[in-house]
């Protein structure tokens, strides 16, 4: 009885290993490169779509705004924001601030009260300001100062200009 049970257990284990090996072989077979394919080419299982760029997402924001779809504009903006953060470029963050202002304008309540995207714009502009300072880019600092002034925040505009050394 003991031998019978252990034989059944061994058989089950072997069957499981064979099944897993078969599944793995099928999966790896789909990834194996063809002999004629160069090593620099993508394997056929690779997703052929290119990753979307910051510019693509910003264009998506503008397209959604043109269609007055604030929800889609916000989703595109959030996708673009992560790319802008990863870029660590002041220009990207300033563009994100500008896009957030456009979304805020569309999504503002009829009374003219700003939405949460005004805060997103300020945050993006602040990041852009510090990145421009670190990059020693006076044009970036001035662009951010003008953006703060356009938001009605003259105090932050003055602080930005002070960071850049302008009066």
C-alpha atoms as a PDB file:
ATOM      1  CA  UNK A   1       0.000   0.000   0.000  1.00  0.00           C
ATOM      2  CA  UNK A   2       2.773   2.355   0.930  1.00  0.00           C
ATOM      3  CA  UNK A   3       4.574   1.631  -2.332  1.00  0.00           C
ATOM      4  CA  UNK A   4       1.379   2.026  -4.320  1.00  0.00           C
ATOM      5  CA  UNK A   5       0.654   5.419  -2.789  1.00  0.00           C
ATOM      6  CA  UNK A   6       4.190   6.655  -3.234  1.00  0.00           C
ATOM      7  CA  UNK A   7       4.175   5.429  -6.829  1.00  0.00           C
ATOM      8  CA  UNK A   8       0.967   7.350  -7.459  1.00  0.00           C
ATOM      9  CA  UNK A   9       2.447  10.414  -5.835  1.00  0.00           C
ATOM     10  CA  UNK A  10       5.589  10.098  -7.931  1.00  0.00           C
ATOM     11  CA  UNK A  11       3.482   9.656 -11.037  1.00  0.00           C
ATOM     12  CA  UNK A  12       1.494  12.781 -10.183  1.00  0.00           C
ATOM     13  CA  UNK A  13       4.665  14.766  -9.599  1.00  0.00           C
ATOM     14  CA  UNK A  14       6.166  13.549 -12.860  1.00  0.00           C
ATOM     15  CA  UNK A  15       2.962  14.344 -14.727  1.00  0.00           C
ATOM     16  CA  UNK A  16       2.965  17.834 -13.194  1.00  0.00           C
ATOM     17  CA  UNK A  17       6.589  18.399 -14.200  1.00  0.00           C
ATOM     18  CA  UNK A  18       5.920  17.212 -17.744  1.00  0.00           C
ATOM     19  CA  UNK A  19       2.864  19.458 -17.988  1.00  0.00           C
ATOM     20  CA  UNK A  20       4.794  22.474 -16.700  1.00  0.00           C
ATOM     21  CA  UNK A  21       7.658  21.728 -19.073  1.00  0.00           C
ATOM     22  CA  UNK A  22       5.190  21.556 -21.950  1.00  0.00           C
ATOM     23  CA  UNK A  23       3.610  24.867 -21.012  1.00  0.00           C
ATOM     24  CA  UNK A  24       7.021  26.469 -20.621  1.00  0.00           C
ATOM     25  CA  UNK A  25       8.134  25.039 -23.943  1.00  0.00           C
ATOM     26  CA  UNK A  26       5.089  26.466 -25.701  1.00  0.00           C
ATOM     27  CA  UNK A  27       5.647  29.843 -24.083  1.00  0.00           C
ATOM     28  CA  UNK A  28       9.337  29.893 -24.902  1.00  0.00           C
ATOM     29  CA  UNK A  29       8.717  28.563 -28.372  1.00  0.00           C
ATOM     30  CA  UNK A  30       6.675  31.666 -29.088  1.00  0.00           C
ATOM     31  CA  UNK A  31       9.598  33.803 -27.986  1.00  0.00           C
ATOM     32  CA  UNK A  32      12.391  31.941 -29.737  1.00  0.00           C
ATOM     33  CA  UNK A  33      13.889  34.029 -32.521  1.00  0.00           C
ATOM     34  CA  UNK A  34      13.773  32.728 -36.075  1.00  0.00           C
ATOM     35  CA  UNK A  35      17.127  31.737 -37.504  1.00  0.00           C
ATOM     36  CA  UNK A  36      16.818  34.265 -40.303  1.00  0.00           C
ATOM     37  CA  UNK A  37      15.991  37.155 -38.010  1.00  0.00           C
ATOM     38  CA  UNK A  38      18.779  39.472 -36.937  1.00  0.00           C
ATOM     39  CA  UNK A  39      19.416  39.747 -33.227  1.00  0.00           C
ATOM     40  CA  UNK A  40      18.680  43.488 -33.323  1.00  0.00           C
ATOM     41  CA  UNK A  41      15.079  42.897 -34.362  1.00  0.00           C
ATOM     42  CA  UNK A  42      12.325  42.618 -31.821  1.00  0.00           C
ATOM     43  CA  UNK A  43      11.049  39.130 -31.101  1.00  0.00           C
ATOM     44  CA  UNK A  44       7.627  38.470 -32.638  1.00  0.00           C
ATOM     45  CA  UNK A  45       5.939  38.275 -29.231  1.00  0.00           C
ATOM     46  CA  UNK A  46       6.954  41.867 -28.434  1.00  0.00           C
ATOM     47  CA  UNK A  47       4.190  44.464 -28.429  1.00  0.00           C
ATOM     48  CA  UNK A  48       4.711  46.300 -31.708  1.00  0.00           C
ATOM     49  CA  UNK A  49       3.200  49.570 -30.475  1.00  0.00           C
ATOM     50  CA  UNK A  50       5.706  52.239 -29.572  1.00  0.00           C
ATOM     51  CA  UNK A  51       5.450  53.783 -26.116  1.00  0.00           C
ATOM     52  CA  UNK A  52       3.458  56.987 -26.213  1.00  0.00           C
ATOM     53  CA  UNK A  53       5.511  60.134 -25.871  1.00  0.00           C
ATOM     54  CA  UNK A  54       4.922  63.226 -23.808  1.00  0.00           C
ATOM     55  CA  UNK A  55       4.059  65.154 -26.976  1.00  0.00           C
ATOM     56  CA  UNK A  56       1.513  62.492 -27.918  1.00  0.00           C
ATOM     57  CA  UNK A  57      -0.222  62.738 -24.534  1.00  0.00           C
ATOM     58  CA  UNK A  58      -0.202  66.539 -24.634  1.00  0.00           C
ATOM     59  CA  UNK A  59      -1.770  66.380 -28.096  1.00  0.00           C
ATOM     60  CA  UNK A  60      -4.337  64.027 -26.568  1.00  0.00           C
ATOM     61  CA  UNK A  61      -5.051  66.616 -23.888  1.00  0.00           C
ATOM     62  CA  UNK A  62      -5.657  69.273 -26.525  1.00  0.00           C
ATOM     63  CA  UNK A  63      -7.809  66.937 -28.633  1.00  0.00           C
ATOM     64  CA  UNK A  64      -9.929  66.081 -25.592  1.00  0.00           C
ATOM     65  CA  UNK A  65     -10.229  69.765 -24.721  1.00  0.00           C
ATOM     66  CA  UNK A  66     -11.356  70.537 -28.270  1.00  0.00           C
ATOM     67  CA  UNK A  67     -14.076  67.919 -27.789  1.00  0.00           C
ATOM     68  CA  UNK A  68     -14.832  69.406 -24.343  1.00  0.00           C
ATOM     69  CA  UNK A  69     -14.055  66.057 -22.703  1.00  0.00           C
ATOM     70  CA  UNK A  70     -12.469  67.160 -19.424  1.00  0.00           C
ATOM     71  CA  UNK A  71     -12.303  63.607 -18.079  1.00  0.00           C
ATOM     72  CA  UNK A  72     -10.269  62.321 -21.004  1.00  0.00           C
ATOM     73  CA  UNK A  73      -8.102  65.449 -20.925  1.00  0.00           C
ATOM     74  CA  UNK A  74      -7.347  64.785 -17.260  1.00  0.00           C
ATOM     75  CA  UNK A  75      -6.447  61.142 -17.961  1.00  0.00           C
ATOM     76  CA  UNK A  76      -4.112  62.154 -20.807  1.00  0.00           C
ATOM     77  CA  UNK A  77      -2.596  64.827 -18.592  1.00  0.00           C
ATOM     78  CA  UNK A  78      -1.869  62.333 -15.819  1.00  0.00           C
ATOM     79  CA  UNK A  79      -0.177  59.977 -18.294  1.00  0.00           C
ATOM     80  CA  UNK A  80       1.878  62.862 -19.645  1.00  0.00           C
ATOM     81  CA  UNK A  81       2.782  64.059 -16.149  1.00  0.00           C
ATOM     82  CA  UNK A  82       4.579  60.848 -15.264  1.00  0.00           C
ATOM     83  CA  UNK A  83       6.615  61.140 -18.471  1.00  0.00           C
ATOM     84  CA  UNK A  84       7.405  64.781 -17.716  1.00  0.00           C
ATOM     85  CA  UNK A  85       8.569  63.855 -14.228  1.00  0.00           C
ATOM     86  CA  UNK A  86      10.798  61.148 -15.632  1.00  0.00           C
ATOM     87  CA  UNK A  87      12.314  63.563 -18.155  1.00  0.00           C
ATOM     88  CA  UNK A  88      13.526  65.912 -15.373  1.00  0.00           C
ATOM     89  CA  UNK A  89      13.336  68.808 -17.857  1.00  0.00           C
ATOM     90  CA  UNK A  90      11.924  72.173 -16.926  1.00  0.00           C
ATOM     91  CA  UNK A  91      10.362  72.568 -20.380  1.00  0.00           C
ATOM     92  CA  UNK A  92       8.316  69.398 -19.895  1.00  0.00           C
ATOM     93  CA  UNK A  93       7.041  70.518 -16.504  1.00  0.00           C
ATOM     94  CA  UNK A  94       6.218  73.997 -17.784  1.00  0.00           C
ATOM     95  CA  UNK A  95       4.248  72.392 -20.620  1.00  0.00           C
ATOM     96  CA  UNK A  96       2.417  70.295 -18.029  1.00  0.00           C
ATOM     97  CA  UNK A  97       1.527  73.440 -16.106  1.00  0.00           C
ATOM     98  CA  UNK A  98       0.214  75.073 -19.277  1.00  0.00           C
ATOM     99  CA  UNK A  99      -1.877  71.994 -20.084  1.00  0.00           C
ATOM    100  CA  UNK A 100      -3.266  71.921 -16.532  1.00  0.00           C
ATOM    101  CA  UNK A 101      -4.355  75.551 -16.906  1.00  0.00           C
ATOM    102  CA  UNK A 102      -6.176  74.663 -20.134  1.00  0.00           C
ATOM    103  CA  UNK A 103      -7.949  71.766 -18.403  1.00  0.00           C
ATOM    104  CA  UNK A 104      -8.837  74.012 -15.466  1.00  0.00           C
ATOM    105  CA  UNK A 105     -10.328  76.557 -17.842  1.00  0.00           C
ATOM    106  CA  UNK A 106     -12.592  73.916 -19.411  1.00  0.00           C
ATOM    107  CA  UNK A 107     -13.517  72.216 -16.152  1.00  0.00           C
ATOM    108  CA  UNK A 108     -14.090  75.374 -14.079  1.00  0.00           C
ATOM    109  CA  UNK A 109     -17.532  75.696 -12.666  1.00  0.00           C
ATOM    110  CA  UNK A 110     -19.851  78.254 -14.264  1.00  0.00           C
ATOM    111  CA  UNK A 111     -19.107  80.611 -11.380  1.00  0.00           C
ATOM    112  CA  UNK A 112     -15.499  80.769 -12.580  1.00  0.00           C
ATOM    113  CA  UNK A 113     -14.131  78.964  -9.520  1.00  0.00           C
ATOM    114  CA  UNK A 114     -10.987  77.036 -10.386  1.00  0.00           C
ATOM    115  CA  UNK A 115     -10.890  73.260 -10.230  1.00  0.00           C
ATOM    116  CA  UNK A 116      -8.166  71.051  -8.852  1.00  0.00           C
ATOM    117  CA  UNK A 117      -6.200  71.497 -12.040  1.00  0.00           C
ATOM    118  CA  UNK A 118      -5.214  74.989 -10.990  1.00  0.00           C
ATOM    119  CA  UNK A 119      -3.343  73.324  -8.117  1.00  0.00           C
ATOM    120  CA  UNK A 120      -1.829  70.805 -10.553  1.00  0.00           C
ATOM    121  CA  UNK A 121      -0.634  73.711 -12.693  1.00  0.00           C
ATOM    122  CA  UNK A 122       0.994  75.408  -9.709  1.00  0.00           C
ATOM    123  CA  UNK A 123       2.737  72.170  -8.727  1.00  0.00           C
ATOM    124  CA  UNK A 124       4.025  71.640 -12.263  1.00  0.00           C
ATOM    125  CA  UNK A 125       5.232  75.247 -12.457  1.00  0.00           C
ATOM    126  CA  UNK A 126       7.036  74.914  -9.124  1.00  0.00           C
ATOM    127  CA  UNK A 127       8.819  71.787 -10.359  1.00  0.00           C
ATOM    128  CA  UNK A 128       9.668  73.588 -13.598  1.00  0.00           C
ATOM    129  CA  UNK A 129      11.035  76.531 -11.618  1.00  0.00           C
ATOM    130  CA  UNK A 130      13.403  74.405  -9.562  1.00  0.00           C
ATOM    131  CA  UNK A 131      14.460  72.374 -12.574  1.00  0.00           C
ATOM    132  CA  UNK A 132      15.139  75.575 -14.535  1.00  0.00           C
ATOM    133  CA  UNK A 133      17.142  76.931 -11.602  1.00  0.00           C
ATOM    134  CA  UNK A 134      19.177  73.719 -11.411  1.00  0.00           C
ATOM    135  CA  UNK A 135      19.722  73.816 -15.175  1.00  0.00           C
ATOM    136  CA  UNK A 136      20.748  77.486 -14.916  1.00  0.00           C
ATOM    137  CA  UNK A 137      18.110  78.363 -17.515  1.00  0.00           C
ATOM    138  CA  UNK A 138      17.042  81.994 -17.117  1.00  0.00           C
ATOM    139  CA  UNK A 139      14.559  81.614 -19.962  1.00  0.00           C
ATOM    140  CA  UNK A 140      12.885  78.779 -18.050  1.00  0.00           C
ATOM    141  CA  UNK A 141      12.720  80.805 -14.864  1.00  0.00           C
ATOM    142  CA  UNK A 142      11.190  83.723 -16.751  1.00  0.00           C
ATOM    143  CA  UNK A 143       8.666  81.445 -18.467  1.00  0.00           C
ATOM    144  CA  UNK A 144       7.572  80.097 -15.084  1.00  0.00           C
ATOM    145  CA  UNK A 145       7.406  83.614 -13.624  1.00  0.00           C
ATOM    146  CA  UNK A 146       5.106  84.668 -16.481  1.00  0.00           C
ATOM    147  CA  UNK A 147       2.979  81.563 -15.889  1.00  0.00           C
ATOM    148  CA  UNK A 148       2.563  82.398 -12.202  1.00  0.00           C
ATOM    149  CA  UNK A 149       1.656  85.961 -13.135  1.00  0.00           C
ATOM    150  CA  UNK A 150      -0.954  84.649 -15.596  1.00  0.00           C
ATOM    151  CA  UNK A 151      -2.439  82.604 -12.735  1.00  0.00           C
ATOM    152  CA  UNK A 152      -2.732  85.840 -10.777  1.00  0.00           C
ATOM    153  CA  UNK A 153      -0.002  84.864  -8.338  1.00  0.00           C
ATOM    154  CA  UNK A 154       2.203  87.930  -8.582  1.00  0.00           C
ATOM    155  CA  UNK A 155       4.006  87.013  -5.355  1.00  0.00           C
ATOM    156  CA  UNK A 156       5.232  83.697  -6.803  1.00  0.00           C
ATOM    157  CA  UNK A 157       6.089  85.434 -10.063  1.00  0.00           C
ATOM    158  CA  UNK A 158       8.277  87.863  -8.129  1.00  0.00           C
ATOM    159  CA  UNK A 159       9.881  85.015  -6.159  1.00  0.00           C
ATOM    160  CA  UNK A 160      10.614  83.135  -9.373  1.00  0.00           C
ATOM    161  CA  UNK A 161      12.255  86.190 -10.875  1.00  0.00           C
ATOM    162  CA  UNK A 162      14.299  86.627  -7.675  1.00  0.00           C
ATOM    163  CA  UNK A 163      15.546  83.050  -8.032  1.00  0.00           C
ATOM    164  CA  UNK A 164      16.638  83.907 -11.546  1.00  0.00           C
ATOM    165  CA  UNK A 165      18.329  87.080 -10.369  1.00  0.00           C
ATOM    166  CA  UNK A 166      15.863  89.436 -12.080  1.00  0.00           C
ATOM    167  CA  UNK A 167      14.232  92.293 -10.115  1.00  0.00           C
END
